């Protein structure tokens, strides 16, 4: 099953696998396609922090013009808590949802060809992605914190087993404004047992002073500064 189906069933993805069939490896087109597919598989798993635990690759001339790419995702859900696709009644709303994917998969192709042993360097593990959501959006047990807004209070949550105690965690967001959400994420990381190592933002509104609300002992990096 694909990751989207696993999420919609109320489960959590834990592993991906693949089975690839390509044509003659001496053909430039075959090598080009293989490189892109392997990179895509690595990026896909990296975006969700899910390891690729197995795969196989075979070459045969019958696949010269049409390679075969099989991908599989595996998830876990508690017995009796599987979400169904049953809907009753008229006028029910339809929501299209998704999770972040794309450029946060770094060195996926390198990782997929790396030999993993007990002594493998830490750089061999894939990049974890832990979504921070509003209440009621995540399956399973969650850890949450309440935080103050200009107009009241709100709450953020992560899955309780999103990372191991002591794991280094980088908080990433698109915008740093007043800093309330980022500060809450920092508190959430600490509450869940993680080791906060810094903040990264696409853009920062300097005049709102959000940087001053963040823990000063950790680095803060923004690609764009609006003053």
C-alpha atoms as a PDB file:
ATOM      1  CA  UNK A   1       0.000   0.000   0.000  1.00  0.00           C
ATOM      2  CA  UNK A   2       1.099   3.581  -0.588  1.00  0.00           C
ATOM      3  CA  UNK A   3       1.840   5.929   2.301  1.00  0.00           C
ATOM      4  CA  UNK A   4      -1.341   7.906   1.590  1.00  0.00           C
ATOM      5  CA  UNK A   5      -3.477   4.784   2.042  1.00  0.00           C
ATOM      6  CA  UNK A   6      -1.667   3.892   5.254  1.00  0.00           C
ATOM      7  CA  UNK A   7      -2.334   7.351   6.708  1.00  0.00           C
ATOM      8  CA  UNK A   8      -6.000   7.310   5.722  1.00  0.00           C
ATOM      9  CA  UNK A   9      -6.479   3.956   7.469  1.00  0.00           C
ATOM     10  CA  UNK A  10      -5.275   5.513  10.722  1.00  0.00           C
ATOM     11  CA  UNK A  11      -1.963   3.661  10.633  1.00  0.00           C
ATOM     12  CA  UNK A  12       1.612   4.894  10.825  1.00  0.00           C
ATOM     13  CA  UNK A  13       4.095   4.051   8.029  1.00  0.00           C
ATOM     14  CA  UNK A  14       7.176   2.218   9.310  1.00  0.00           C
ATOM     15  CA  UNK A  15       8.989   0.898   6.222  1.00  0.00           C
ATOM     16  CA  UNK A  16       9.191   0.966   2.428  1.00  0.00           C
ATOM     17  CA  UNK A  17      10.407  -1.662  -0.034  1.00  0.00           C
ATOM     18  CA  UNK A  18      10.902  -1.785  -3.787  1.00  0.00           C
ATOM     19  CA  UNK A  19      11.353  -4.190  -6.683  1.00  0.00           C
ATOM     20  CA  UNK A  20      12.848  -2.751  -9.883  1.00  0.00           C
ATOM     21  CA  UNK A  21      13.151  -4.150 -13.414  1.00  0.00           C
ATOM     22  CA  UNK A  22      15.233  -2.301 -16.005  1.00  0.00           C
ATOM     23  CA  UNK A  23      16.615  -2.973 -19.471  1.00  0.00           C
ATOM     24  CA  UNK A  24      20.197  -3.267 -20.651  1.00  0.00           C
ATOM     25  CA  UNK A  25      22.379  -1.295 -18.174  1.00  0.00           C
ATOM     26  CA  UNK A  26      24.793  -0.447 -21.008  1.00  0.00           C
ATOM     27  CA  UNK A  27      22.152   1.833 -22.561  1.00  0.00           C
ATOM     28  CA  UNK A  28      22.479   5.502 -21.498  1.00  0.00           C
ATOM     29  CA  UNK A  29      18.697   5.822 -21.222  1.00  0.00           C
ATOM     30  CA  UNK A  30      18.523   2.859 -18.842  1.00  0.00           C
ATOM     31  CA  UNK A  31      21.189   4.350 -16.594  1.00  0.00           C
ATOM     32  CA  UNK A  32      19.439   7.734 -16.668  1.00  0.00           C
ATOM     33  CA  UNK A  33      16.063   6.239 -15.699  1.00  0.00           C
ATOM     34  CA  UNK A  34      17.571   4.032 -13.002  1.00  0.00           C
ATOM     35  CA  UNK A  35      19.363   6.972 -11.393  1.00  0.00           C
ATOM     36  CA  UNK A  36      16.151   9.005 -11.284  1.00  0.00           C
ATOM     37  CA  UNK A  37      14.036   6.166  -9.901  1.00  0.00           C
ATOM     38  CA  UNK A  38      16.517   5.330  -7.134  1.00  0.00           C
ATOM     39  CA  UNK A  39      16.737   9.005  -6.173  1.00  0.00           C
ATOM     40  CA  UNK A  40      12.946   9.258  -6.112  1.00  0.00           C
ATOM     41  CA  UNK A  41      12.588   6.202  -3.883  1.00  0.00           C
ATOM     42  CA  UNK A  42      15.102   7.666  -1.435  1.00  0.00           C
ATOM     43  CA  UNK A  43      13.402  11.073  -1.417  1.00  0.00           C
ATOM     44  CA  UNK A  44      10.006   9.461  -0.866  1.00  0.00           C
ATOM     45  CA  UNK A  45      11.104   7.625   2.267  1.00  0.00           C
ATOM     46  CA  UNK A  46      13.163  10.539   3.553  1.00  0.00           C
ATOM     47  CA  UNK A  47      10.216  12.931   3.401  1.00  0.00           C
ATOM     48  CA  UNK A  48       8.348  10.813   5.947  1.00  0.00           C
ATOM     49  CA  UNK A  49      11.343   9.620   7.952  1.00  0.00           C
ATOM     50  CA  UNK A  50      10.565   6.047   6.886  1.00  0.00           C
ATOM     51  CA  UNK A  51      13.506   3.705   6.116  1.00  0.00           C
ATOM     52  CA  UNK A  52      13.791   1.668   2.936  1.00  0.00           C
ATOM     53  CA  UNK A  53      14.338  -1.772   4.461  1.00  0.00           C
ATOM     54  CA  UNK A  54      14.544  -3.897   1.338  1.00  0.00           C
ATOM     55  CA  UNK A  55      14.747  -3.850  -2.431  1.00  0.00           C
ATOM     56  CA  UNK A  56      15.741  -5.845  -5.469  1.00  0.00           C
ATOM     57  CA  UNK A  57      16.992  -4.904  -8.930  1.00  0.00           C
ATOM     58  CA  UNK A  58      17.095  -7.009 -12.112  1.00  0.00           C
ATOM     59  CA  UNK A  59      18.128  -6.168 -15.678  1.00  0.00           C
ATOM     60  CA  UNK A  60      16.610  -7.781 -18.763  1.00  0.00           C
ATOM     61  CA  UNK A  61      16.351  -6.619 -22.402  1.00  0.00           C
ATOM     62  CA  UNK A  62      12.558  -6.999 -22.316  1.00  0.00           C
ATOM     63  CA  UNK A  63      12.440  -3.872 -20.131  1.00  0.00           C
ATOM     64  CA  UNK A  64      14.495  -1.714 -22.520  1.00  0.00           C
ATOM     65  CA  UNK A  65      11.538   0.477 -23.475  1.00  0.00           C
ATOM     66  CA  UNK A  66       9.325   0.030 -20.432  1.00  0.00           C
ATOM     67  CA  UNK A  67      10.940  -0.426 -16.999  1.00  0.00           C
ATOM     68  CA  UNK A  68       8.882  -1.828 -14.142  1.00  0.00           C
ATOM     69  CA  UNK A  69       8.912  -0.019 -10.791  1.00  0.00           C
ATOM     70  CA  UNK A  70       7.155  -1.641  -7.836  1.00  0.00           C
ATOM     71  CA  UNK A  71       7.085   0.213  -4.515  1.00  0.00           C
ATOM     72  CA  UNK A  72       5.540  -0.910  -1.241  1.00  0.00           C
ATOM     73  CA  UNK A  73       4.909   0.830   2.063  1.00  0.00           C
ATOM     74  CA  UNK A  74       4.155  -0.934   5.366  1.00  0.00           C
ATOM     75  CA  UNK A  75       2.280   0.553   8.296  1.00  0.00           C
ATOM     76  CA  UNK A  76       1.153  -0.393  11.810  1.00  0.00           C
ATOM     77  CA  UNK A  77      -2.201   0.263  13.437  1.00  0.00           C
ATOM     78  CA  UNK A  78      -3.722  -1.002  16.674  1.00  0.00           C
ATOM     79  CA  UNK A  79      -6.212  -3.840  16.307  1.00  0.00           C
ATOM     80  CA  UNK A  80      -9.726  -2.497  16.051  1.00  0.00           C
ATOM     81  CA  UNK A  81      -8.649   1.083  15.323  1.00  0.00           C
ATOM     82  CA  UNK A  82      -8.490   0.898  11.547  1.00  0.00           C
ATOM     83  CA  UNK A  83     -10.300   3.808   9.910  1.00  0.00           C
ATOM     84  CA  UNK A  84     -12.809   2.792   7.246  1.00  0.00           C
ATOM     85  CA  UNK A  85     -13.760   4.532   4.034  1.00  0.00           C
ATOM     86  CA  UNK A  86     -17.464   4.214   4.745  1.00  0.00           C
ATOM     87  CA  UNK A  87     -19.456   7.436   4.452  1.00  0.00           C
ATOM     88  CA  UNK A  88     -23.191   7.824   4.970  1.00  0.00           C
ATOM     89  CA  UNK A  89     -25.632  10.622   4.349  1.00  0.00           C
ATOM     90  CA  UNK A  90     -25.850  13.472   1.870  1.00  0.00           C
ATOM     91  CA  UNK A  91     -23.748  16.629   1.771  1.00  0.00           C
ATOM     92  CA  UNK A  92     -20.641  15.303   3.517  1.00  0.00           C
ATOM     93  CA  UNK A  93     -17.568  17.511   2.976  1.00  0.00           C
ATOM     94  CA  UNK A  94     -14.544  16.103   1.141  1.00  0.00           C
ATOM     95  CA  UNK A  95     -11.059  17.045   2.359  1.00  0.00           C
ATOM     96  CA  UNK A  96      -7.907  16.558   0.302  1.00  0.00           C
ATOM     97  CA  UNK A  97      -4.879  16.354   2.588  1.00  0.00           C
ATOM     98  CA  UNK A  98      -1.202  15.545   2.271  1.00  0.00           C
ATOM     99  CA  UNK A  99       2.155  15.645   3.971  1.00  0.00           C
ATOM    100  CA  UNK A 100       5.282  17.540   3.047  1.00  0.00           C
ATOM    101  CA  UNK A 101       7.371  15.904   0.329  1.00  0.00           C
ATOM    102  CA  UNK A 102      10.118  16.981  -2.004  1.00  0.00           C
ATOM    103  CA  UNK A 103      13.492  18.569  -1.395  1.00  0.00           C
ATOM    104  CA  UNK A 104      13.831  17.420   2.218  1.00  0.00           C
ATOM    105  CA  UNK A 105      14.998  14.053   0.845  1.00  0.00           C
ATOM    106  CA  UNK A 106      18.764  14.589   0.781  1.00  0.00           C
ATOM    107  CA  UNK A 107      21.213  12.002  -0.574  1.00  0.00           C
ATOM    108  CA  UNK A 108      18.422   9.445  -0.984  1.00  0.00           C
ATOM    109  CA  UNK A 109      20.202   7.761  -3.894  1.00  0.00           C
ATOM    110  CA  UNK A 110      23.435   7.656  -1.910  1.00  0.00           C
ATOM    111  CA  UNK A 111      21.695   6.096   1.066  1.00  0.00           C
ATOM    112  CA  UNK A 112      19.970   3.391  -0.973  1.00  0.00           C
ATOM    113  CA  UNK A 113      23.314   2.063  -2.216  1.00  0.00           C
ATOM    114  CA  UNK A 114      25.127   2.328   1.111  1.00  0.00           C
ATOM    115  CA  UNK A 115      26.059  -0.777   3.078  1.00  0.00           C
ATOM    116  CA  UNK A 116      24.445  -0.533   6.514  1.00  0.00           C
ATOM    117  CA  UNK A 117      26.101  -2.297   9.436  1.00  0.00           C
ATOM    118  CA  UNK A 118      26.145  -1.873  13.194  1.00  0.00           C
ATOM    119  CA  UNK A 119      29.203   0.355  12.781  1.00  0.00           C
ATOM    120  CA  UNK A 120      27.696   2.466   9.981  1.00  0.00           C
ATOM    121  CA  UNK A 121      28.137   6.219  10.484  1.00  0.00           C
ATOM    122  CA  UNK A 122      25.227   8.320  11.677  1.00  0.00           C
ATOM    123  CA  UNK A 123      25.066   9.939   8.234  1.00  0.00           C
ATOM    124  CA  UNK A 124      23.794   6.629   6.874  1.00  0.00           C
ATOM    125  CA  UNK A 125      20.368   7.017   8.442  1.00  0.00           C
ATOM    126  CA  UNK A 126      17.617   8.789   6.568  1.00  0.00           C
ATOM    127  CA  UNK A 127      16.252  12.199   7.471  1.00  0.00           C
ATOM    128  CA  UNK A 128      13.292  12.001   9.809  1.00  0.00           C
ATOM    129  CA  UNK A 129      10.233  14.153   9.231  1.00  0.00           C
ATOM    130  CA  UNK A 130       7.978  14.706  12.251  1.00  0.00           C
ATOM    131  CA  UNK A 131       4.784  16.650  11.487  1.00  0.00           C
ATOM    132  CA  UNK A 132       3.527  19.068  14.149  1.00  0.00           C
ATOM    133  CA  UNK A 133      -0.252  19.368  13.972  1.00  0.00           C
ATOM    134  CA  UNK A 134      -3.269  20.881  15.680  1.00  0.00           C
ATOM    135  CA  UNK A 135      -5.261  18.618  18.078  1.00  0.00           C
ATOM    136  CA  UNK A 136      -7.106  15.657  16.600  1.00  0.00           C
ATOM    137  CA  UNK A 137      -5.070  15.458  13.375  1.00  0.00           C
ATOM    138  CA  UNK A 138      -2.611  12.676  14.240  1.00  0.00           C
ATOM    139  CA  UNK A 139      -3.322   8.953  14.826  1.00  0.00           C
ATOM    140  CA  UNK A 140      -2.284   7.148  17.993  1.00  0.00           C
ATOM    141  CA  UNK A 141      -0.920   8.555  21.234  1.00  0.00           C
ATOM    142  CA  UNK A 142       0.233  12.171  21.076  1.00  0.00           C
ATOM    143  CA  UNK A 143       2.256  14.632  23.149  1.00  0.00           C
ATOM    144  CA  UNK A 144       1.073  18.244  23.152  1.00  0.00           C
ATOM    145  CA  UNK A 145       1.733  21.712  24.533  1.00  0.00           C
ATOM    146  CA  UNK A 146      -0.500  24.764  24.884  1.00  0.00           C
ATOM    147  CA  UNK A 147       0.836  28.172  23.880  1.00  0.00           C
ATOM    148  CA  UNK A 148      -0.345  31.764  23.855  1.00  0.00           C
ATOM    149  CA  UNK A 149      -1.397  33.687  20.758  1.00  0.00           C
ATOM    150  CA  UNK A 150      -2.126  37.364  20.300  1.00  0.00           C
ATOM    151  CA  UNK A 151      -5.831  36.536  20.404  1.00  0.00           C
ATOM    152  CA  UNK A 152      -5.951  33.596  22.827  1.00  0.00           C
ATOM    153  CA  UNK A 153      -4.362  30.162  23.134  1.00  0.00           C
ATOM    154  CA  UNK A 154      -3.772  27.171  20.891  1.00  0.00           C
ATOM    155  CA  UNK A 155      -2.235  23.704  21.098  1.00  0.00           C
ATOM    156  CA  UNK A 156       0.299  21.747  19.049  1.00  0.00           C
ATOM    157  CA  UNK A 157       0.844  17.977  19.067  1.00  0.00           C
ATOM    158  CA  UNK A 158       3.227  15.323  17.766  1.00  0.00           C
ATOM    159  CA  UNK A 159       3.012  11.543  17.935  1.00  0.00           C
ATOM    160  CA  UNK A 160       4.461  10.352  21.237  1.00  0.00           C
ATOM    161  CA  UNK A 161       6.841   7.924  19.527  1.00  0.00           C
ATOM    162  CA  UNK A 162       7.875  10.349  16.769  1.00  0.00           C
ATOM    163  CA  UNK A 163      11.497  10.207  17.891  1.00  0.00           C
ATOM    164  CA  UNK A 164      13.613   8.535  20.541  1.00  0.00           C
ATOM    165  CA  UNK A 165      14.585  10.237  23.775  1.00  0.00           C
ATOM    166  CA  UNK A 166      17.772  12.198  23.212  1.00  0.00           C
ATOM    167  CA  UNK A 167      17.392  12.457  19.422  1.00  0.00           C
ATOM    168  CA  UNK A 168      18.613  15.750  17.964  1.00  0.00           C
ATOM    169  CA  UNK A 169      15.705  17.709  16.468  1.00  0.00           C
ATOM    170  CA  UNK A 170      15.753  20.729  14.141  1.00  0.00           C
ATOM    171  CA  UNK A 171      12.576  22.837  14.066  1.00  0.00           C
ATOM    172  CA  UNK A 172      11.754  23.847  10.464  1.00  0.00           C
ATOM    173  CA  UNK A 173       8.987  26.253   9.416  1.00  0.00           C
ATOM    174  CA  UNK A 174       8.226  28.464   6.450  1.00  0.00           C
ATOM    175  CA  UNK A 175       7.883  31.748   8.357  1.00  0.00           C
ATOM    176  CA  UNK A 176       9.203  33.271  11.587  1.00  0.00           C
ATOM    177  CA  UNK A 177       6.911  36.134  12.607  1.00  0.00           C
ATOM    178  CA  UNK A 178       6.170  36.709  16.297  1.00  0.00           C
ATOM    179  CA  UNK A 179       7.808  33.381  17.188  1.00  0.00           C
ATOM    180  CA  UNK A 180       4.923  31.889  19.158  1.00  0.00           C
ATOM    181  CA  UNK A 181       4.540  28.747  17.072  1.00  0.00           C
ATOM    182  CA  UNK A 182       8.286  28.096  16.839  1.00  0.00           C
ATOM    183  CA  UNK A 183       8.720  28.587  20.598  1.00  0.00           C
ATOM    184  CA  UNK A 184       5.875  26.135  21.197  1.00  0.00           C
ATOM    185  CA  UNK A 185       7.560  23.607  18.900  1.00  0.00           C
ATOM    186  CA  UNK A 186      10.775  23.986  20.891  1.00  0.00           C
ATOM    187  CA  UNK A 187       8.887  23.287  24.111  1.00  0.00           C
ATOM    188  CA  UNK A 188       7.179  20.333  22.452  1.00  0.00           C
ATOM    189  CA  UNK A 189      10.512  18.815  21.409  1.00  0.00           C
ATOM    190  CA  UNK A 190      11.843  19.115  24.967  1.00  0.00           C
ATOM    191  CA  UNK A 191       8.628  17.743  26.487  1.00  0.00           C
ATOM    192  CA  UNK A 192       8.796  14.711  24.195  1.00  0.00           C
ATOM    193  CA  UNK A 193      12.388  13.992  25.245  1.00  0.00           C
ATOM    194  CA  UNK A 194      14.174  15.304  22.168  1.00  0.00           C
ATOM    195  CA  UNK A 195      17.326  17.418  22.089  1.00  0.00           C
ATOM    196  CA  UNK A 196      16.616  20.719  20.351  1.00  0.00           C
ATOM    197  CA  UNK A 197      19.538  21.679  18.088  1.00  0.00           C
ATOM    198  CA  UNK A 198      18.242  24.785  16.285  1.00  0.00           C
ATOM    199  CA  UNK A 199      15.673  26.484  14.064  1.00  0.00           C
ATOM    200  CA  UNK A 200      15.466  26.935  10.291  1.00  0.00           C
ATOM    201  CA  UNK A 201      13.023  29.189   8.425  1.00  0.00           C
ATOM    202  CA  UNK A 202      12.437  30.142   4.815  1.00  0.00           C
ATOM    203  CA  UNK A 203      11.572  33.769   5.681  1.00  0.00           C
ATOM    204  CA  UNK A 204      11.780  35.935   8.802  1.00  0.00           C
ATOM    205  CA  UNK A 205       9.871  39.152   9.525  1.00  0.00           C
ATOM    206  CA  UNK A 206      12.607  40.888  11.495  1.00  0.00           C
ATOM    207  CA  UNK A 207      10.482  43.746  12.825  1.00  0.00           C
ATOM    208  CA  UNK A 208       8.176  41.416  14.766  1.00  0.00           C
ATOM    209  CA  UNK A 209      10.948  40.193  17.071  1.00  0.00           C
ATOM    210  CA  UNK A 210      10.176  36.498  16.805  1.00  0.00           C
ATOM    211  CA  UNK A 211      13.837  35.524  17.109  1.00  0.00           C
ATOM    212  CA  UNK A 212      13.961  36.979  20.634  1.00  0.00           C
ATOM    213  CA  UNK A 213      11.195  34.616  21.777  1.00  0.00           C
ATOM    214  CA  UNK A 214      13.211  31.536  20.878  1.00  0.00           C
ATOM    215  CA  UNK A 215      15.719  29.819  23.201  1.00  0.00           C
ATOM    216  CA  UNK A 216      18.863  31.901  22.771  1.00  0.00           C
ATOM    217  CA  UNK A 217      21.280  28.998  23.217  1.00  0.00           C
ATOM    218  CA  UNK A 218      20.235  27.476  19.876  1.00  0.00           C
ATOM    219  CA  UNK A 219      21.130  28.777  16.385  1.00  0.00           C
ATOM    220  CA  UNK A 220      18.417  30.339  14.211  1.00  0.00           C
ATOM    221  CA  UNK A 221      18.837  30.430  10.422  1.00  0.00           C
ATOM    222  CA  UNK A 222      16.529  32.166   7.910  1.00  0.00           C
ATOM    223  CA  UNK A 223      16.995  32.142   4.142  1.00  0.00           C
ATOM    224  CA  UNK A 224      15.225  35.494   3.663  1.00  0.00           C
ATOM    225  CA  UNK A 225      15.132  38.437   6.097  1.00  0.00           C
ATOM    226  CA  UNK A 226      12.358  41.031   5.705  1.00  0.00           C
ATOM    227  CA  UNK A 227      13.183  44.198   7.645  1.00  0.00           C
END
